[in-house]
């Protein structure tokens, strides 16, 4: 299976996880494809972000949700639709874990593949 981050971007966030305050999040739309199947996941990885140069993403505050899993290949139309609903999905993931993403405070430009 091939894995590709269709979208990723860093934002300010708020979460206390495992007694560590997380002040940032890496938001991703991940595509995994191969053997005639494709799967898209929304993912959020929260990390401490102690200073402006701290982008060391930790593994213990990583949450994801499968948005679509079906036979076929990547589709630009499907990816556009999933990107359109990504914020809502990540907000649900975050809220379910006591976190908040500050979408109006990006920590860098979006990366699209």
N, C-alpha and C. Protein backbone atom coordinates (compact mmCIF):
# COMPACT_ATOMS: atom_id res chain seq x y z
N UNK A 1 0.84 -1.18 0.00
CA UNK A 1 0.00 0.00 0.00
C UNK A 1 0.89 1.25 0.00
N UNK A 2 0.47 2.23 -0.77
CA UNK A 2 1.16 3.52 -0.81
C UNK A 2 0.39 4.52 0.05
N UNK A 3 1.13 5.29 0.82
CA UNK A 3 0.51 6.29 1.69
C UNK A 3 1.00 7.67 1.28
N UNK A 4 0.07 8.62 1.21
CA UNK A 4 0.39 9.99 0.80
C UNK A 4 -0.44 10.97 1.61
N UNK A 5 0.21 11.99 2.14
CA UNK A 5 -0.52 13.08 2.79
C UNK A 5 -1.03 14.01 1.69
N UNK A 6 -2.33 13.97 1.44
CA UNK A 6 -2.95 14.83 0.43
C UNK A 6 -2.89 16.28 0.89
N UNK A 7 -3.08 16.48 2.19
CA UNK A 7 -3.08 17.82 2.78
C UNK A 7 -2.44 17.71 4.15
N UNK A 8 -1.65 18.71 4.51
CA UNK A 8 -1.16 18.83 5.88
C UNK A 8 -0.90 20.30 6.17
N UNK A 9 -1.22 20.68 7.40
CA UNK A 9 -0.99 22.05 7.84
C UNK A 9 -0.96 22.08 9.36
N UNK A 10 -0.16 22.99 9.90
CA UNK A 10 -0.03 23.16 11.34
C UNK A 10 -0.89 24.34 11.80
N UNK A 11 -1.51 24.18 12.97
CA UNK A 11 -2.33 25.22 13.57
C UNK A 11 -2.07 25.28 15.07
N UNK A 12 -2.37 26.45 15.66
CA UNK A 12 -2.39 26.51 17.12
C UNK A 12 -3.55 25.66 17.60
N UNK A 13 -3.39 25.10 18.79
CA UNK A 13 -4.42 24.21 19.34
C UNK A 13 -4.33 24.22 20.86
N UNK A 14 -5.27 23.53 21.47
CA UNK A 14 -5.26 23.41 22.93
C UNK A 14 -5.70 22.00 23.31
N UNK A 15 -4.81 21.31 24.02
CA UNK A 15 -5.11 19.98 24.53
C UNK A 15 -4.11 19.64 25.63
N UNK A 16 -4.60 19.07 26.71
CA UNK A 16 -3.71 18.51 27.72
C UNK A 16 -3.87 17.00 27.62
N UNK A 17 -2.79 16.31 27.25
CA UNK A 17 -2.83 14.87 27.04
C UNK A 17 -1.63 14.24 27.75
N UNK A 18 -1.87 13.22 28.54
CA UNK A 18 -0.82 12.57 29.32
C UNK A 18 -0.04 13.58 30.17
N UNK A 19 -0.78 14.49 30.76
CA UNK A 19 -0.24 15.53 31.65
C UNK A 19 0.74 16.48 30.95
N UNK A 20 0.67 16.57 29.61
CA UNK A 20 1.51 17.48 28.83
C UNK A 20 0.60 18.41 28.04
N UNK A 21 0.83 19.72 28.19
CA UNK A 21 0.04 20.70 27.45
C UNK A 21 0.47 20.71 25.99
N UNK A 22 -0.50 20.57 25.08
CA UNK A 22 -0.24 20.62 23.64
C UNK A 22 -0.79 21.93 23.12
N UNK A 23 0.06 22.69 22.43
CA UNK A 23 -0.32 24.02 21.95
C UNK A 23 -0.44 24.10 20.43
N UNK A 24 -0.22 22.97 19.75
CA UNK A 24 -0.27 22.98 18.29
C UNK A 24 -0.74 21.61 17.80
N UNK A 25 -1.15 21.60 16.53
CA UNK A 25 -1.63 20.37 15.92
C UNK A 25 -1.21 20.34 14.46
N UNK A 26 -0.89 19.15 13.99
CA UNK A 26 -0.67 18.92 12.57
C UNK A 26 -1.92 18.22 12.06
N UNK A 27 -2.63 18.86 11.14
CA UNK A 27 -3.87 18.32 10.57
C UNK A 27 -3.54 17.72 9.21
N UNK A 28 -4.07 16.52 8.96
CA UNK A 28 -3.73 15.83 7.72
C UNK A 28 -4.95 15.16 7.10
N UNK A 29 -4.95 15.10 5.78
CA UNK A 29 -5.83 14.21 5.03
C UNK A 29 -4.89 13.21 4.37
N UNK A 30 -5.02 11.95 4.77
CA UNK A 30 -4.08 10.91 4.36
C UNK A 30 -4.78 9.94 3.42
N UNK A 31 -4.12 9.61 2.33
CA UNK A 31 -4.64 8.62 1.37
C UNK A 31 -3.74 7.40 1.38
N UNK A 32 -4.36 6.25 1.50
CA UNK A 32 -3.63 4.98 1.39
C UNK A 32 -4.27 4.21 0.25
N UNK A 33 -3.47 3.83 -0.74
CA UNK A 33 -4.03 3.14 -1.90
C UNK A 33 -3.14 1.98 -2.31
N UNK A 34 -3.77 1.00 -2.92
CA UNK A 34 -3.04 -0.14 -3.43
C UNK A 34 -3.96 -1.33 -3.58
N UNK A 35 -3.58 -2.24 -4.44
CA UNK A 35 -4.32 -3.47 -4.67
C UNK A 35 -5.79 -3.20 -5.01
N UNK A 36 -6.03 -2.11 -5.74
CA UNK A 36 -7.38 -1.80 -6.19
C UNK A 36 -8.29 -1.17 -5.15
N UNK A 37 -7.73 -0.73 -4.02
CA UNK A 37 -8.52 -0.09 -2.96
C UNK A 37 -7.91 1.25 -2.59
N UNK A 38 -8.75 2.12 -2.05
CA UNK A 38 -8.30 3.43 -1.60
C UNK A 38 -8.99 3.76 -0.27
N UNK A 39 -8.23 4.38 0.63
CA UNK A 39 -8.79 4.80 1.92
C UNK A 39 -8.28 6.20 2.24
N UNK A 40 -9.19 7.04 2.75
CA UNK A 40 -8.84 8.40 3.16
C UNK A 40 -9.11 8.54 4.65
N UNK A 41 -8.14 9.08 5.38
CA UNK A 41 -8.28 9.32 6.81
C UNK A 41 -8.05 10.80 7.11
N UNK A 42 -8.87 11.33 8.02
CA UNK A 42 -8.60 12.63 8.62
C UNK A 42 -7.78 12.35 9.87
N UNK A 43 -6.72 13.12 10.09
CA UNK A 43 -5.86 12.88 11.24
C UNK A 43 -5.42 14.19 11.87
N UNK A 44 -5.22 14.13 13.19
CA UNK A 44 -4.74 15.29 13.94
C UNK A 44 -3.71 14.79 14.95
N UNK A 45 -2.52 15.38 14.91
CA UNK A 45 -1.46 15.02 15.84
C UNK A 45 -1.09 16.26 16.65
N UNK A 46 -1.44 16.24 17.92
CA UNK A 46 -1.21 17.38 18.81
C UNK A 46 0.17 17.27 19.44
N UNK A 47 0.85 18.42 19.57
CA UNK A 47 2.20 18.42 20.13
C UNK A 47 2.45 19.68 20.93
N UNK A 48 3.49 19.68 21.81
CA UNK A 48 3.69 20.78 22.76
C UNK A 48 3.93 22.15 22.15
N UNK A 49 4.74 22.26 21.09
CA UNK A 49 5.06 23.55 20.45
C UNK A 49 5.50 24.58 21.50
N UNK A 50 6.64 24.28 22.11
CA UNK A 50 7.18 25.13 23.19
C UNK A 50 7.68 26.49 22.71
N UNK A 51 8.12 26.56 21.46
CA UNK A 51 8.56 27.84 20.89
C UNK A 51 8.27 27.84 19.39
N UNK A 52 8.57 28.94 18.73
CA UNK A 52 8.24 29.11 17.31
C UNK A 52 8.91 28.08 16.39
N UNK A 53 9.97 27.45 16.85
CA UNK A 53 10.68 26.49 16.02
C UNK A 53 10.44 25.04 16.43
N UNK A 54 9.61 24.83 17.43
CA UNK A 54 9.34 23.48 17.93
C UNK A 54 8.18 22.85 17.17
N UNK A 55 8.51 22.00 16.20
CA UNK A 55 7.51 21.27 15.44
C UNK A 55 7.73 19.77 15.59
N UNK A 56 8.25 19.37 16.76
CA UNK A 56 8.47 17.95 17.04
C UNK A 56 7.13 17.31 17.37
N UNK A 57 6.56 16.64 16.39
CA UNK A 57 5.24 16.04 16.54
C UNK A 57 5.37 14.77 17.38
N UNK A 58 4.56 14.68 18.44
CA UNK A 58 4.60 13.50 19.31
C UNK A 58 3.60 12.46 18.81
N UNK A 59 3.80 11.25 19.25
CA UNK A 59 2.97 10.13 18.78
C UNK A 59 1.79 9.82 19.71
N UNK A 60 1.81 10.30 20.93
CA UNK A 60 0.81 9.88 21.90
C UNK A 60 -0.50 10.65 21.84
N UNK A 61 -0.56 11.74 21.13
CA UNK A 61 -1.80 12.51 21.01
C UNK A 61 -2.20 12.57 19.54
N UNK A 62 -2.28 11.41 18.92
CA UNK A 62 -2.62 11.27 17.50
C UNK A 62 -4.00 10.64 17.40
N UNK A 63 -4.88 11.29 16.68
CA UNK A 63 -6.25 10.81 16.53
C UNK A 63 -6.61 10.82 15.05
N UNK A 64 -7.33 9.80 14.60
CA UNK A 64 -7.72 9.75 13.20
C UNK A 64 -9.09 9.11 13.05
N UNK A 65 -9.65 9.34 11.87
CA UNK A 65 -10.95 8.78 11.53
C UNK A 65 -10.95 8.46 10.03
N UNK A 66 -11.38 7.26 9.68
CA UNK A 66 -11.49 6.90 8.27
C UNK A 66 -12.72 7.58 7.69
N UNK A 67 -12.52 8.36 6.63
CA UNK A 67 -13.61 9.10 5.99
C UNK A 67 -14.21 8.34 4.81
N UNK A 68 -13.37 7.57 4.14
CA UNK A 68 -13.83 6.86 2.94
C UNK A 68 -12.91 5.66 2.72
N UNK A 69 -13.52 4.52 2.46
CA UNK A 69 -12.76 3.32 2.12
C UNK A 69 -13.56 2.57 1.07
N UNK A 70 -12.97 2.42 -0.12
CA UNK A 70 -13.73 1.82 -1.22
C UNK A 70 -12.78 1.24 -2.27
N UNK A 71 -13.32 0.42 -3.16
CA UNK A 71 -12.50 -0.06 -4.27
C UNK A 71 -12.26 1.09 -5.25
N UNK A 72 -11.15 1.05 -5.93
CA UNK A 72 -10.86 2.08 -6.92
C UNK A 72 -9.50 2.72 -6.69
N UNK A 73 -9.36 3.89 -7.31
CA UNK A 73 -8.11 4.65 -7.23
C UNK A 73 -8.40 6.04 -6.68
N UNK A 74 -7.33 6.82 -6.54
CA UNK A 74 -7.49 8.21 -6.10
C UNK A 74 -8.38 8.95 -7.08
N UNK A 75 -9.15 9.89 -6.55
CA UNK A 75 -10.03 10.70 -7.37
C UNK A 75 -9.91 12.16 -6.94
N UNK A 76 -9.62 13.03 -7.89
CA UNK A 76 -9.52 14.47 -7.58
C UNK A 76 -10.84 15.00 -7.03
N UNK A 77 -11.97 14.56 -7.60
CA UNK A 77 -13.28 15.02 -7.13
C UNK A 77 -13.53 14.56 -5.70
N UNK A 78 -13.21 13.30 -5.40
CA UNK A 78 -13.41 12.78 -4.05
C UNK A 78 -12.52 13.52 -3.06
N UNK A 79 -11.27 13.76 -3.45
CA UNK A 79 -10.34 14.46 -2.57
C UNK A 79 -10.79 15.90 -2.31
N UNK A 80 -11.33 16.57 -3.32
CA UNK A 80 -11.84 17.94 -3.13
C UNK A 80 -13.01 17.93 -2.15
N UNK A 81 -13.90 16.97 -2.27
CA UNK A 81 -15.03 16.88 -1.35
C UNK A 81 -14.56 16.59 0.07
N UNK A 82 -13.59 15.70 0.23
CA UNK A 82 -13.08 15.38 1.56
C UNK A 82 -12.35 16.57 2.17
N UNK A 83 -11.60 17.31 1.36
CA UNK A 83 -10.93 18.52 1.86
C UNK A 83 -11.96 19.55 2.32
N UNK A 84 -13.09 19.61 1.61
CA UNK A 84 -14.15 20.55 1.98
C UNK A 84 -14.77 20.26 3.33
N UNK A 85 -14.74 19.01 3.76
CA UNK A 85 -15.33 18.65 5.04
C UNK A 85 -14.28 18.34 6.11
N UNK A 86 -13.01 18.52 5.79
CA UNK A 86 -11.94 18.14 6.70
C UNK A 86 -12.00 18.88 8.04
N UNK A 87 -12.23 20.17 8.01
CA UNK A 87 -12.28 20.94 9.27
C UNK A 87 -13.38 20.42 10.19
N UNK A 88 -14.55 20.15 9.64
CA UNK A 88 -15.64 19.62 10.46
C UNK A 88 -15.26 18.28 11.07
N UNK A 89 -14.65 17.42 10.29
CA UNK A 89 -14.26 16.10 10.78
C UNK A 89 -13.19 16.21 11.87
N UNK A 90 -12.20 17.06 11.65
CA UNK A 90 -11.14 17.24 12.64
C UNK A 90 -11.71 17.89 13.90
N UNK A 91 -12.64 18.83 13.76
CA UNK A 91 -13.28 19.41 14.94
C UNK A 91 -13.99 18.34 15.76
N UNK A 92 -14.65 17.38 15.10
CA UNK A 92 -15.31 16.28 15.81
C UNK A 92 -14.28 15.40 16.53
N UNK A 93 -13.20 15.07 15.83
CA UNK A 93 -12.13 14.27 16.43
C UNK A 93 -11.55 14.98 17.64
N UNK A 94 -11.27 16.28 17.47
CA UNK A 94 -10.68 17.06 18.56
C UNK A 94 -11.63 17.15 19.74
N UNK A 95 -12.87 17.51 19.50
CA UNK A 95 -13.84 17.66 20.58
C UNK A 95 -14.02 16.35 21.34
N UNK A 96 -14.00 15.24 20.63
CA UNK A 96 -14.14 13.94 21.27
C UNK A 96 -12.98 13.59 22.19
N UNK A 97 -11.89 14.33 22.08
CA UNK A 97 -10.72 14.09 22.92
C UNK A 97 -10.37 15.29 23.79
N UNK A 98 -11.31 16.22 23.90
CA UNK A 98 -11.11 17.39 24.77
C UNK A 98 -10.17 18.43 24.21
N UNK A 99 -10.03 18.47 22.89
CA UNK A 99 -9.09 19.39 22.25
C UNK A 99 -9.83 20.43 21.42
N UNK A 100 -9.09 21.46 21.05
CA UNK A 100 -9.62 22.49 20.17
C UNK A 100 -8.54 22.91 19.19
N UNK A 101 -8.92 23.06 17.94
CA UNK A 101 -8.02 23.54 16.88
C UNK A 101 -8.40 24.98 16.57
N UNK A 102 -7.41 25.86 16.55
CA UNK A 102 -7.65 27.27 16.24
C UNK A 102 -7.34 27.49 14.75
N UNK A 103 -8.34 27.25 13.92
CA UNK A 103 -8.19 27.31 12.47
C UNK A 103 -7.74 28.69 11.98
N UNK A 104 -8.11 29.73 12.71
CA UNK A 104 -7.75 31.09 12.31
C UNK A 104 -6.31 31.44 12.66
N UNK A 105 -5.57 30.49 13.27
CA UNK A 105 -4.18 30.73 13.66
C UNK A 105 -3.25 29.65 13.09
N UNK A 106 -3.07 29.66 11.76
CA UNK A 106 -2.15 28.68 11.16
C UNK A 106 -0.70 28.98 11.56
N UNK A 107 0.09 27.94 11.64
CA UNK A 107 1.52 28.08 11.98
C UNK A 107 2.40 27.88 10.75
N UNK A 108 1.79 27.95 9.59
CA UNK A 108 2.52 27.78 8.34
C UNK A 108 1.53 27.58 7.21
N UNK A 109 2.06 27.51 6.02
CA UNK A 109 1.24 27.31 4.83
C UNK A 109 0.78 25.86 4.71
N UNK A 110 -0.33 25.67 4.06
CA UNK A 110 -0.83 24.31 3.78
C UNK A 110 0.05 23.66 2.72
N UNK A 111 0.25 22.36 2.84
CA UNK A 111 0.96 21.57 1.85
C UNK A 111 -0.04 20.63 1.20
N UNK A 112 -0.17 20.73 -0.10
CA UNK A 112 -1.09 19.88 -0.85
C UNK A 112 -0.31 19.00 -1.82
N UNK A 113 -0.74 17.76 -1.96
CA UNK A 113 -0.10 16.85 -2.93
C UNK A 113 -1.06 16.51 -4.02
